[in-house]
Structure formats: structure tokens, C-alpha cells
Amino acid sequence: MSKVVKPRKYDSRRRQQQAKATRADILEAAGVLFRKSGYEGVSMASIATQADVAVETIYRVFGTKAALFTAVVEAAVAGGAARAETPVELRPAIQAIVEEPDPRRQVALYAATQPGIHRRSGPLLRALSAAAVSDRDLAKLWATIEDARLAGQARFAGMLAERGALRAEVDAEEARDLVWTLCSLAIYDALVGARGWTEERYRDWLAEVLVRELLPSNW
């Protein structure tokens, strides 16, 4: 009489962990190559080789090269692939800003997030910006990433507006535009890159200017 072989139980948790690890490996490999060779200088095949996966796997996980690049930027902004999987509002730095009752301190905490973001994502965005000048598709990708940054900074400005913390002559829309401009990579590059400011000096200057532009003078 033959022995009945029971089917192996499907382990969905293990499968999910493997998929997450594969995604992280691809993001890390793509980040290394994009920083080294820019957007146009990196092929999906080279990323697959670096990550030790099949090219088809990358397309299955991310869909397109543009989507992969966007995910790499998001991971850089968040401080890693694992952190990028956490909703923005649940990340510790953002929670600290939201939970802080003092508007001046909120602005200072927000300014403190910017040096690290620019340090991590700057090399990627500089390469994309340069390539976008002569490539319409890359220009659209740049615009998409900037739109996402604008939306995030609109949430911060909106929070200050909802709490009645903005100057009387500054509405949420103008506050958003001020934060978007002052927290841009271009200003970081001008002060830290071109003028040699330390990140600490840039952080403190940014906090001071944001407070002056957004909050009432008596706060």
C-alpha cells in the first residue's frame, strides 16, 4: 500500500518576506547604479545583474524603469527601503512634527528633516534633472517627483494653517509655495554645495527663515 503524501501547506508569510527582500535588493542595486551612472546610463539588465535577479523580476515588481527610479528616490527620502514602506504620517520624524504643540518647534523639526533628505536623494535628482533637459519623458518624471514633493509640503503648510499658526497675511497656499521653494534641492546645493555651509548651519538657517516667513512675529 502506497503512503499518502500530504500536500505542503502554502506559507504566505514566507513568500511575502521573500518578495520584500527581493524588492529591497533591487532598490539597493538600482540606487547604487543610478547614483554612479545617472538615469540614462543605467539599464534594467545592469540592475538585474547587480541585484542578482532576472530582468523579468524587476519588471514584475516595478513595472517600468521610471517607476523603479521613483521608488529609489522615495526610499532615499525616507532613509531606506524599509522606512519607505511605512506610511509617511507614521514615520517617527513626521509623527514628532505632528505631535509637537509649539509651532516654532514644529518648523524647526521640519527643517531638521531636510539636510538628510537632500544628502540621500540629491545625487539621484541631480542626475535626473540634467537628463530631463533634453528628454521629454524624463522631464515628465522630474515633474511627477516634484509634484509629490509639493503635495508633501502642502500637508505641512496645511497643518500649520489648520492650527491657526500662520501669519495673517499668509494663507495655506502661499505657505506651501514658500516651504516648497525654501526646502528645494537648489537652495541646499547653493548653500551647502557651492558656498560650503555645513548641514547644521543650513538646517538652522532654514528653520529661522521658515519661522520668519510663516509664523507671526510675536511667536
C-alpha atoms as a PDB file:
ATOM      1  CA  MET A   1       0.000   0.000   0.000  1.00  0.00           C
ATOM      2  CA  SER A   2       1.486   3.320  -1.045  1.00  0.00           C
ATOM      3  CA  LYS A   3       1.960   6.063   1.507  1.00  0.00           C
ATOM      4  CA  VAL A   4      -0.303   9.066   1.116  1.00  0.00           C
ATOM      5  CA  VAL A   5       1.735  12.242   0.715  1.00  0.00           C
ATOM      6  CA  LYS A   6       0.023  15.272   2.183  1.00  0.00           C
ATOM      7  CA  PRO A   7       0.313  18.469   0.146  1.00  0.00           C
ATOM      8  CA  ARG A   8       2.735  21.024   1.576  1.00  0.00           C
ATOM      9  CA  LYS A   9       0.972  23.880   3.297  1.00  0.00           C
ATOM     10  CA  TYR A  10       1.360  27.173   1.466  1.00  0.00           C
ATOM     11  CA  ASP A  11       3.401  29.588   3.556  1.00  0.00           C
ATOM     12  CA  SER A  12       2.160  33.029   2.505  1.00  0.00           C
ATOM     13  CA  ARG A  13       4.177  34.837   5.187  1.00  0.00           C
ATOM     14  CA  ARG A  14       7.425  33.358   3.950  1.00  0.00           C
ATOM     15  CA  ARG A  15       6.502  34.240   0.372  1.00  0.00           C
ATOM     16  CA  GLN A  16       5.799  37.830   1.380  1.00  0.00           C
ATOM     17  CA  GLN A  17       9.111  38.077   3.220  1.00  0.00           C
ATOM     18  CA  GLN A  18      10.965  36.786   0.170  1.00  0.00           C
ATOM     19  CA  ALA A  19       9.154  39.267  -2.074  1.00  0.00           C
ATOM     20  CA  LYS A  20      10.003  42.118   0.297  1.00  0.00           C
ATOM     21  CA  ALA A  21      13.659  41.058   0.395  1.00  0.00           C
ATOM     22  CA  THR A  22      13.797  40.853  -3.399  1.00  0.00           C
ATOM     23  CA  ARG A  23      12.271  44.321  -3.722  1.00  0.00           C
ATOM     24  CA  ALA A  24      14.787  45.736  -1.246  1.00  0.00           C
ATOM     25  CA  ASP A  25      17.685  44.118  -3.125  1.00  0.00           C
ATOM     26  CA  ILE A  26      16.510  45.645  -6.399  1.00  0.00           C
ATOM     27  CA  LEU A  27      16.108  49.088  -4.829  1.00  0.00           C
ATOM     28  CA  GLU A  28      19.562  48.943  -3.301  1.00  0.00           C
ATOM     29  CA  ALA A  29      21.189  47.787  -6.542  1.00  0.00           C
ATOM     30  CA  ALA A  30      19.331  50.391  -8.600  1.00  0.00           C
ATOM     31  CA  GLY A  31      20.257  53.130  -6.142  1.00  0.00           C
ATOM     32  CA  VAL A  32      23.947  52.286  -6.388  1.00  0.00           C
ATOM     33  CA  LEU A  33      23.889  52.307 -10.189  1.00  0.00           C
ATOM     34  CA  PHE A  34      21.705  55.405 -10.597  1.00  0.00           C
ATOM     35  CA  ARG A  35      23.971  57.367  -8.273  1.00  0.00           C
ATOM     36  CA  LYS A  36      27.039  56.202 -10.165  1.00  0.00           C
ATOM     37  CA  SER A  37      25.864  56.475 -13.775  1.00  0.00           C
ATOM     38  CA  GLY A  38      22.736  58.610 -13.789  1.00  0.00           C
ATOM     39  CA  TYR A  39      19.322  57.634 -15.082  1.00  0.00           C
ATOM     40  CA  GLU A  40      20.097  57.183 -18.767  1.00  0.00           C
ATOM     41  CA  GLY A  41      23.397  55.402 -18.100  1.00  0.00           C
ATOM     42  CA  VAL A  42      21.722  52.506 -16.294  1.00  0.00           C
ATOM     43  CA  SER A  43      19.886  49.656 -17.992  1.00  0.00           C
ATOM     44  CA  MET A  44      17.380  47.304 -16.432  1.00  0.00           C
ATOM     45  CA  ALA A  45      19.742  44.462 -17.339  1.00  0.00           C
ATOM     46  CA  SER A  46      22.586  46.035 -15.365  1.00  0.00           C
ATOM     47  CA  ILE A  47      20.301  46.484 -12.368  1.00  0.00           C
ATOM     48  CA  ALA A  48      19.254  42.839 -12.629  1.00  0.00           C
ATOM     49  CA  THR A  49      22.884  41.759 -12.660  1.00  0.00           C
ATOM     50  CA  GLN A  50      23.717  43.968  -9.668  1.00  0.00           C
ATOM     51  CA  ALA A  51      20.703  42.650  -7.728  1.00  0.00           C
ATOM     52  CA  ASP A  52      21.227  39.039  -8.867  1.00  0.00           C
ATOM     53  CA  VAL A  53      17.685  38.699 -10.184  1.00  0.00           C
ATOM     54  CA  ALA A  54      16.114  38.199 -13.596  1.00  0.00           C
ATOM     55  CA  VAL A  55      15.185  41.290 -15.613  1.00  0.00           C
ATOM     56  CA  GLU A  56      11.620  39.954 -15.720  1.00  0.00           C
ATOM     57  CA  THR A  57      11.531  40.084 -11.937  1.00  0.00           C
ATOM     58  CA  ILE A  58      12.269  43.814 -11.936  1.00  0.00           C
ATOM     59  CA  TYR A  59       9.512  44.481 -14.455  1.00  0.00           C
ATOM     60  CA  ARG A  60       7.094  42.328 -12.465  1.00  0.00           C
ATOM     61  CA  VAL A  61       7.848  44.189  -9.226  1.00  0.00           C
ATOM     62  CA  PHE A  62       8.115  47.769 -10.518  1.00  0.00           C
ATOM     63  CA  GLY A  63       6.623  47.793 -13.997  1.00  0.00           C
ATOM     64  CA  THR A  64       8.876  50.398 -15.619  1.00  0.00           C
ATOM     65  CA  LYS A  65      12.302  51.929 -15.190  1.00  0.00           C
ATOM     66  CA  ALA A  66      10.671  55.264 -14.321  1.00  0.00           C
ATOM     67  CA  ALA A  67       8.612  53.630 -11.575  1.00  0.00           C
ATOM     68  CA  LEU A  68      11.732  51.932 -10.231  1.00  0.00           C
ATOM     69  CA  PHE A  69      13.636  55.222 -10.198  1.00  0.00           C
ATOM     70  CA  THR A  70      10.756  56.902  -8.381  1.00  0.00           C
ATOM     71  CA  ALA A  71      10.787  54.119  -5.787  1.00  0.00           C
ATOM     72  CA  VAL A  72      14.542  54.567  -5.345  1.00  0.00           C
ATOM     73  CA  VAL A  73      14.038  58.300  -4.743  1.00  0.00           C
ATOM     74  CA  GLU A  74      11.227  57.592  -2.263  1.00  0.00           C
ATOM     75  CA  ALA A  75      13.465  55.163  -0.402  1.00  0.00           C
ATOM     76  CA  ALA A  76      16.257  57.737  -0.315  1.00  0.00           C
ATOM     77  CA  VAL A  77      13.911  60.403   1.042  1.00  0.00           C
ATOM     78  CA  ALA A  78      12.555  58.022   3.687  1.00  0.00           C
ATOM     79  CA  GLY A  79      16.004  56.810   4.717  1.00  0.00           C
ATOM     80  CA  GLY A  80      15.825  53.296   3.341  1.00  0.00           C
ATOM     81  CA  ALA A  81      13.546  50.813   1.589  1.00  0.00           C
ATOM     82  CA  ALA A  82      12.078  49.522   4.843  1.00  0.00           C
ATOM     83  CA  ARG A  83      11.174  53.021   6.042  1.00  0.00           C
ATOM     84  CA  ALA A  84       9.650  53.849   2.664  1.00  0.00           C
ATOM     85  CA  GLU A  85       7.089  51.076   3.207  1.00  0.00           C
ATOM     86  CA  THR A  86       5.796  52.886   6.284  1.00  0.00           C
ATOM     87  CA  PRO A  87       3.103  55.486   5.506  1.00  0.00           C
ATOM     88  CA  VAL A  88       4.548  58.985   5.701  1.00  0.00           C
ATOM     89  CA  GLU A  89       2.303  60.012   8.579  1.00  0.00           C
ATOM     90  CA  LEU A  90       3.533  57.059  10.669  1.00  0.00           C
ATOM     91  CA  ARG A  91       7.245  57.750  10.307  1.00  0.00           C
ATOM     92  CA  PRO A  92       8.827  58.856  13.599  1.00  0.00           C
ATOM     93  CA  ALA A  93      10.152  62.184  12.310  1.00  0.00           C
ATOM     94  CA  ILE A  94       6.749  63.127  10.886  1.00  0.00           C
ATOM     95  CA  GLN A  95       4.913  61.987  13.993  1.00  0.00           C
ATOM     96  CA  ALA A  96       7.213  64.158  16.102  1.00  0.00           C
ATOM     97  CA  ILE A  97       6.314  67.175  13.956  1.00  0.00           C
ATOM     98  CA  VAL A  98       2.577  66.486  14.122  1.00  0.00           C
ATOM     99  CA  GLU A  99       2.570  65.872  17.868  1.00  0.00           C
ATOM    100  CA  GLU A 100       4.663  68.952  18.735  1.00  0.00           C
ATOM    101  CA  PRO A 101       2.345  71.637  20.174  1.00  0.00           C
ATOM    102  CA  ASP A 102       4.711  74.596  19.630  1.00  0.00           C
ATOM    103  CA  PRO A 103       4.594  75.898  16.015  1.00  0.00           C
ATOM    104  CA  ARG A 104       8.158  77.269  16.203  1.00  0.00           C
ATOM    105  CA  ARG A 105       9.387  73.878  17.319  1.00  0.00           C
ATOM    106  CA  GLN A 106       7.318  72.197  14.590  1.00  0.00           C
ATOM    107  CA  VAL A 107       9.043  74.326  11.973  1.00  0.00           C
ATOM    108  CA  ALA A 108      12.455  73.554  13.469  1.00  0.00           C
ATOM    109  CA  LEU A 109      11.720  69.816  13.431  1.00  0.00           C
ATOM    110  CA  TYR A 110      10.585  70.042   9.812  1.00  0.00           C
ATOM    111  CA  ALA A 111      13.727  71.958   8.822  1.00  0.00           C
ATOM    112  CA  ALA A 112      15.820  69.290  10.532  1.00  0.00           C
ATOM    113  CA  THR A 113      14.486  66.627   8.131  1.00  0.00           C
ATOM    114  CA  GLN A 114      15.746  68.449   5.043  1.00  0.00           C
ATOM    115  CA  PRO A 115      19.565  68.003   5.144  1.00  0.00           C
ATOM    116  CA  GLY A 116      19.304  64.222   5.292  1.00  0.00           C
ATOM    117  CA  ILE A 117      16.708  64.115   2.538  1.00  0.00           C
ATOM    118  CA  HIS A 118      18.884  66.192   0.218  1.00  0.00           C
ATOM    119  CA  ARG A 119      22.045  64.280   1.113  1.00  0.00           C
ATOM    120  CA  ARG A 120      20.423  60.937   0.284  1.00  0.00           C
ATOM    121  CA  SER A 121      18.290  61.863  -2.720  1.00  0.00           C
ATOM    122  CA  GLY A 122      20.382  64.710  -4.145  1.00  0.00           C
ATOM    123  CA  PRO A 123      22.702  62.592  -6.323  1.00  0.00           C
ATOM    124  CA  LEU A 124      19.696  60.887  -7.897  1.00  0.00           C
ATOM    125  CA  LEU A 125      17.749  64.064  -8.513  1.00  0.00           C
ATOM    126  CA  ARG A 126      20.713  65.988  -9.903  1.00  0.00           C
ATOM    127  CA  ALA A 127      21.291  63.265 -12.486  1.00  0.00           C
ATOM    128  CA  LEU A 128      17.615  63.186 -13.410  1.00  0.00           C
ATOM    129  CA  SER A 129      17.368  66.979 -13.647  1.00  0.00           C
ATOM    130  CA  ALA A 130      20.325  67.145 -16.020  1.00  0.00           C
ATOM    131  CA  ALA A 131      18.928  64.412 -18.254  1.00  0.00           C
ATOM    132  CA  ALA A 132      15.411  65.869 -18.200  1.00  0.00           C
ATOM    133  CA  VAL A 133      16.597  68.972 -20.062  1.00  0.00           C
ATOM    134  CA  SER A 134      16.799  67.039 -23.337  1.00  0.00           C
ATOM    135  CA  ASP A 135      14.368  64.173 -22.723  1.00  0.00           C
ATOM    136  CA  ARG A 136      10.614  64.763 -22.605  1.00  0.00           C
ATOM    137  CA  ASP A 137       9.858  61.522 -20.743  1.00  0.00           C
ATOM    138  CA  LEU A 138      12.444  62.303 -18.091  1.00  0.00           C
ATOM    139  CA  ALA A 139      11.061  65.832 -17.810  1.00  0.00           C
ATOM    140  CA  LYS A 140       7.679  64.279 -17.014  1.00  0.00           C
ATOM    141  CA  LEU A 141       9.296  62.031 -14.417  1.00  0.00           C
ATOM    142  CA  TRP A 142      11.010  65.043 -12.835  1.00  0.00           C
ATOM    143  CA  ALA A 143       7.664  66.867 -12.760  1.00  0.00           C
ATOM    144  CA  THR A 144       5.992  63.857 -11.123  1.00  0.00           C
ATOM    145  CA  ILE A 145       8.604  63.735  -8.370  1.00  0.00           C
ATOM    146  CA  GLU A 146       8.363  67.493  -7.817  1.00  0.00           C
ATOM    147  CA  ASP A 147       4.565  67.247  -7.647  1.00  0.00           C
ATOM    148  CA  ALA A 148       4.923  64.631  -4.911  1.00  0.00           C
ATOM    149  CA  ARG A 149       7.293  66.925  -3.006  1.00  0.00           C
ATOM    150  CA  LEU A 150       4.852  69.811  -3.382  1.00  0.00           C
ATOM    151  CA  ALA A 151       1.999  67.657  -2.067  1.00  0.00           C
ATOM    152  CA  GLY A 152       4.020  66.669   0.983  1.00  0.00           C
ATOM    153  CA  GLN A 153       4.937  70.246   1.764  1.00  0.00           C
ATOM    154  CA  ALA A 154       1.330  71.304   1.232  1.00  0.00           C
ATOM    155  CA  ARG A 155       0.349  68.916   4.018  1.00  0.00           C
ATOM    156  CA  PHE A 156       2.826  70.595   6.369  1.00  0.00           C
ATOM    157  CA  ALA A 157       1.628  74.085   5.427  1.00  0.00           C
ATOM    158  CA  GLY A 158      -1.979  72.951   5.736  1.00  0.00           C
ATOM    159  CA  MET A 159      -1.338  71.611   9.223  1.00  0.00           C
ATOM    160  CA  LEU A 160       0.048  74.985  10.322  1.00  0.00           C
ATOM    161  CA  ALA A 161      -2.958  76.722   8.766  1.00  0.00           C
ATOM    162  CA  GLU A 162      -5.442  74.424  10.497  1.00  0.00           C
ATOM    163  CA  ARG A 163      -3.811  75.191  13.840  1.00  0.00           C
ATOM    164  CA  GLY A 164      -4.015  78.920  13.225  1.00  0.00           C
ATOM    165  CA  ALA A 165      -0.245  79.215  13.299  1.00  0.00           C
ATOM    166  CA  LEU A 166       0.325  81.132  10.052  1.00  0.00           C
ATOM    167  CA  ARG A 167       0.824  84.878   9.763  1.00  0.00           C
ATOM    168  CA  ALA A 168      -2.430  86.684   8.978  1.00  0.00           C
ATOM    169  CA  GLU A 169      -1.234  87.693   5.507  1.00  0.00           C
ATOM    170  CA  VAL A 170      -0.050  84.164   4.570  1.00  0.00           C
ATOM    171  CA  ASP A 171      -2.619  81.558   3.562  1.00  0.00           C
ATOM    172  CA  ALA A 172      -2.042  77.806   3.238  1.00  0.00           C
ATOM    173  CA  GLU A 173      -1.316  78.034  -0.495  1.00  0.00           C
ATOM    174  CA  GLU A 174       1.337  80.723  -0.123  1.00  0.00           C
ATOM    175  CA  ALA A 175       2.828  78.865   2.842  1.00  0.00           C
ATOM    176  CA  ARG A 176       3.060  75.760   0.691  1.00  0.00           C
ATOM    177  CA  ASP A 177       4.880  77.665  -2.027  1.00  0.00           C
ATOM    178  CA  LEU A 178       7.307  79.182   0.459  1.00  0.00           C
ATOM    179  CA  VAL A 179       8.121  75.800   2.004  1.00  0.00           C
ATOM    180  CA  TRP A 180       8.464  74.231  -1.453  1.00  0.00           C
ATOM    181  CA  THR A 181      10.922  76.929  -2.544  1.00  0.00           C
ATOM    182  CA  LEU A 182      12.992  77.264   0.617  1.00  0.00           C
ATOM    183  CA  CYS A 183      13.295  73.480   1.084  1.00  0.00           C
ATOM    184  CA  SER A 184      14.325  72.852  -2.526  1.00  0.00           C
ATOM    185  CA  LEU A 185      17.415  70.929  -3.543  1.00  0.00           C
ATOM    186  CA  ALA A 186      18.558  74.006  -5.474  1.00  0.00           C
ATOM    187  CA  ILE A 187      18.896  76.091  -2.311  1.00  0.00           C
ATOM    188  CA  TYR A 188      20.569  73.221  -0.450  1.00  0.00           C
ATOM    189  CA  ASP A 189      23.073  72.873  -3.303  1.00  0.00           C
ATOM    190  CA  ALA A 190      23.707  76.622  -3.419  1.00  0.00           C
ATOM    191  CA  LEU A 191      24.448  76.908   0.296  1.00  0.00           C
ATOM    192  CA  VAL A 192      25.933  73.527   1.230  1.00  0.00           C
ATOM    193  CA  GLY A 193      27.402  72.585  -2.136  1.00  0.00           C
ATOM    194  CA  ALA A 194      28.539  75.885  -3.645  1.00  0.00           C
ATOM    195  CA  ARG A 195      29.076  78.032  -0.561  1.00  0.00           C
ATOM    196  CA  GLY A 196      30.399  75.292   1.700  1.00  0.00           C
ATOM    197  CA  TRP A 197      27.894  75.650   4.543  1.00  0.00           C
ATOM    198  CA  THR A 198      27.705  72.776   6.986  1.00  0.00           C
ATOM    199  CA  GLU A 199      24.430  70.888   7.087  1.00  0.00           C
ATOM    200  CA  GLU A 200      23.916  72.147  10.636  1.00  0.00           C
ATOM    201  CA  ARG A 201      24.228  75.770   9.519  1.00  0.00           C
ATOM    202  CA  TYR A 202      21.861  75.118   6.608  1.00  0.00           C
ATOM    203  CA  ARG A 203      19.348  73.440   8.964  1.00  0.00           C
ATOM    204  CA  ASP A 204      19.412  76.328  11.429  1.00  0.00           C
ATOM    205  CA  TRP A 205      19.170  78.948   8.682  1.00  0.00           C
ATOM    206  CA  LEU A 206      16.241  77.115   7.088  1.00  0.00           C
ATOM    207  CA  ALA A 207      14.392  76.914  10.398  1.00  0.00           C
ATOM    208  CA  GLU A 208      14.976  80.625  11.044  1.00  0.00           C
ATOM    209  CA  VAL A 209      13.766  81.696   7.587  1.00  0.00           C
ATOM    210  CA  LEU A 210      10.703  79.427   7.682  1.00  0.00           C
ATOM    211  CA  VAL A 211       9.720  80.793  11.091  1.00  0.00           C
ATOM    212  CA  ARG A 212      10.144  84.360   9.861  1.00  0.00           C
ATOM    213  CA  GLU A 213       8.158  83.789   6.666  1.00  0.00           C
ATOM    214  CA  LEU A 214       5.365  81.603   8.056  1.00  0.00           C
ATOM    215  CA  LEU A 215       4.705  82.440  11.697  1.00  0.00           C
ATOM    216  CA  PRO A 216       3.543  85.667  13.388  1.00  0.00           C
ATOM    217  CA  SER A 217       6.415  87.806  14.637  1.00  0.00           C
ATOM    218  CA  ASN A 218       5.259  87.557  18.249  1.00  0.00           C
ATOM    219  CA  TRP A 219       5.607  83.756  18.318  1.00  0.00           C
END
